[in-house]
N, C-alpha and C. Protein backbone atom coordinates (compact mmCIF):
# COMPACT_ATOMS: atom_id res chain seq x y z
N MET A 1 0.84 -1.17 0.03
CA MET A 1 0.01 0.03 0.04
C MET A 1 0.86 1.22 -0.01
N VAL A 2 0.55 2.19 -0.78
CA VAL A 2 1.29 3.48 -0.90
C VAL A 2 0.34 4.59 -0.50
N HIS A 3 0.78 5.44 0.31
CA HIS A 3 0.00 6.68 0.69
C HIS A 3 0.83 7.88 0.24
N LEU A 4 0.13 8.73 -0.58
CA LEU A 4 0.78 10.00 -1.02
C LEU A 4 0.23 11.07 -0.02
N LEU A 5 1.03 11.75 0.68
CA LEU A 5 0.57 12.70 1.60
C LEU A 5 1.20 14.10 1.34
N ARG A 6 0.31 15.12 1.30
CA ARG A 6 0.81 16.44 1.14
C ARG A 6 1.31 17.00 2.44
N GLU A 7 2.39 17.79 2.36
CA GLU A 7 2.97 18.21 3.65
C GLU A 7 2.05 18.98 4.45
N ALA A 8 1.24 19.88 3.80
CA ALA A 8 0.24 20.72 4.56
C ALA A 8 -0.71 19.78 5.28
N ASN A 9 -1.19 18.76 4.64
CA ASN A 9 -2.12 17.81 5.31
C ASN A 9 -1.60 17.11 6.52
N VAL A 10 -0.34 16.79 6.37
CA VAL A 10 0.41 16.07 7.46
C VAL A 10 0.57 17.01 8.57
N GLU A 11 0.80 18.27 8.32
CA GLU A 11 1.05 19.27 9.44
C GLU A 11 -0.31 19.49 10.09
N LYS A 12 -1.39 19.53 9.28
CA LYS A 12 -2.80 19.68 9.97
C LYS A 12 -3.11 18.50 10.91
N ALA A 13 -2.81 17.25 10.40
CA ALA A 13 -3.06 16.09 11.15
C ALA A 13 -2.30 16.11 12.42
N ILE A 14 -1.00 16.48 12.35
CA ILE A 14 -0.17 16.50 13.58
C ILE A 14 -0.72 17.60 14.60
N ALA A 15 -1.18 18.66 14.04
CA ALA A 15 -1.74 19.72 14.91
C ALA A 15 -2.96 19.27 15.62
N PHE A 16 -3.76 18.52 14.84
CA PHE A 16 -5.10 18.07 15.43
C PHE A 16 -4.88 16.88 16.35
N TYR A 17 -4.17 15.91 15.95
CA TYR A 17 -4.09 14.59 16.63
C TYR A 17 -2.93 14.56 17.69
N GLY A 18 -2.02 15.47 17.59
CA GLY A 18 -0.89 15.43 18.55
C GLY A 18 0.10 14.27 18.20
N ASP A 19 0.19 13.28 19.05
CA ASP A 19 1.11 12.20 18.87
C ASP A 19 0.64 11.28 17.73
N THR A 20 1.10 11.62 16.51
CA THR A 20 0.61 10.84 15.33
C THR A 20 1.41 9.45 15.30
N ALA A 21 2.55 9.41 16.07
CA ALA A 21 3.18 8.08 16.02
C ALA A 21 2.37 6.98 16.75
N ALA A 22 1.42 7.42 17.57
CA ALA A 22 0.51 6.38 18.22
C ALA A 22 -0.67 5.97 17.39
N ILE A 23 -0.88 6.62 16.36
CA ILE A 23 -2.04 6.26 15.41
C ILE A 23 -2.04 4.79 15.00
N PRO A 24 -0.88 4.23 14.46
CA PRO A 24 -0.93 2.77 14.10
C PRO A 24 -1.22 1.90 15.20
N GLU A 25 -0.79 2.15 16.43
CA GLU A 25 -1.08 1.25 17.58
C GLU A 25 -2.50 1.40 17.97
N ARG A 26 -3.10 2.61 17.84
CA ARG A 26 -4.56 2.74 18.17
C ARG A 26 -5.33 2.00 17.09
N ASN A 27 -4.87 2.07 15.79
CA ASN A 27 -5.64 1.44 14.79
C ASN A 27 -5.64 0.00 14.92
N ILE A 28 -4.44 -0.62 15.35
CA ILE A 28 -4.35 -2.07 15.55
C ILE A 28 -5.22 -2.55 16.66
N ALA A 29 -5.25 -1.76 17.78
CA ALA A 29 -6.07 -2.08 18.97
C ALA A 29 -7.50 -2.00 18.56
N TYR A 30 -7.93 -0.99 17.81
CA TYR A 30 -9.29 -0.83 17.45
C TYR A 30 -9.81 -2.05 16.56
N LEU A 31 -8.93 -2.44 15.59
CA LEU A 31 -9.39 -3.54 14.77
C LEU A 31 -9.30 -4.84 15.46
N THR A 32 -8.46 -5.05 16.36
CA THR A 32 -8.37 -6.20 17.18
C THR A 32 -9.63 -6.33 17.95
N GLU A 33 -10.06 -5.30 18.64
CA GLU A 33 -11.24 -5.19 19.44
C GLU A 33 -12.52 -5.42 18.53
N LEU A 34 -12.48 -4.83 17.39
CA LEU A 34 -13.65 -4.87 16.52
C LEU A 34 -13.88 -6.36 16.03
N GLY A 35 -12.84 -7.03 15.72
CA GLY A 35 -12.91 -8.41 15.20
C GLY A 35 -12.89 -8.45 13.64
N SER A 36 -12.39 -9.53 13.14
CA SER A 36 -12.18 -9.67 11.71
C SER A 36 -13.48 -9.56 10.90
N GLU A 37 -14.53 -10.06 11.36
CA GLU A 37 -15.75 -10.12 10.64
C GLU A 37 -16.31 -8.65 10.49
N ALA A 38 -16.42 -7.98 11.63
CA ALA A 38 -16.97 -6.64 11.63
C ALA A 38 -16.00 -5.66 10.81
N ALA A 39 -14.65 -5.91 10.98
CA ALA A 39 -13.75 -5.12 10.16
C ALA A 39 -13.92 -5.31 8.75
N GLU A 40 -14.08 -6.59 8.29
CA GLU A 40 -14.40 -6.91 6.86
C GLU A 40 -15.71 -6.24 6.39
N ALA A 41 -16.71 -6.25 7.29
CA ALA A 41 -17.96 -5.58 6.84
C ALA A 41 -17.80 -4.20 6.70
N GLN A 42 -17.08 -3.56 7.54
CA GLN A 42 -16.78 -2.03 7.38
C GLN A 42 -16.06 -1.77 6.14
N LEU A 43 -15.02 -2.66 5.81
CA LEU A 43 -14.26 -2.43 4.65
C LEU A 43 -15.08 -2.59 3.44
N GLN A 44 -15.97 -3.58 3.44
CA GLN A 44 -16.85 -3.84 2.23
C GLN A 44 -17.81 -2.63 2.02
N GLN A 45 -18.29 -2.10 3.13
CA GLN A 45 -19.23 -0.98 3.06
C GLN A 45 -18.51 0.26 2.50
N TRP A 46 -17.26 0.42 2.88
CA TRP A 46 -16.53 1.50 2.33
C TRP A 46 -16.13 1.28 0.83
N LEU A 47 -15.82 0.07 0.48
CA LEU A 47 -15.45 -0.25 -0.92
C LEU A 47 -16.63 -0.23 -1.80
N ASN A 48 -17.93 -0.62 -1.35
CA ASN A 48 -19.09 -0.69 -2.17
C ASN A 48 -20.26 0.08 -1.42
N PRO A 49 -20.20 1.31 -1.29
CA PRO A 49 -21.14 2.10 -0.52
C PRO A 49 -22.60 1.94 -1.06
N THR A 50 -22.72 1.75 -2.40
CA THR A 50 -24.08 1.70 -2.95
C THR A 50 -24.79 0.39 -2.53
N LEU A 51 -24.01 -0.67 -2.22
CA LEU A 51 -24.61 -1.92 -1.85
C LEU A 51 -25.08 -1.98 -0.43
N HIS A 52 -24.69 -0.98 0.36
CA HIS A 52 -24.95 -1.04 1.79
C HIS A 52 -25.73 0.17 2.23
N LYS A 53 -26.70 0.67 1.46
CA LYS A 53 -27.44 1.77 1.87
C LYS A 53 -28.70 1.37 2.65
């Protein structure tokens, strides 16, 4: 996966979220708590929004 980030957007994110280094750990914890089936359902809803209205 490749993410292209504009410097201005990164600066805004850091200003808003503070410790951006902790974001990956928070995401891992969230997905672990959510569980694989619910995470897959959310991903499919994001990938195919018209199918899940």
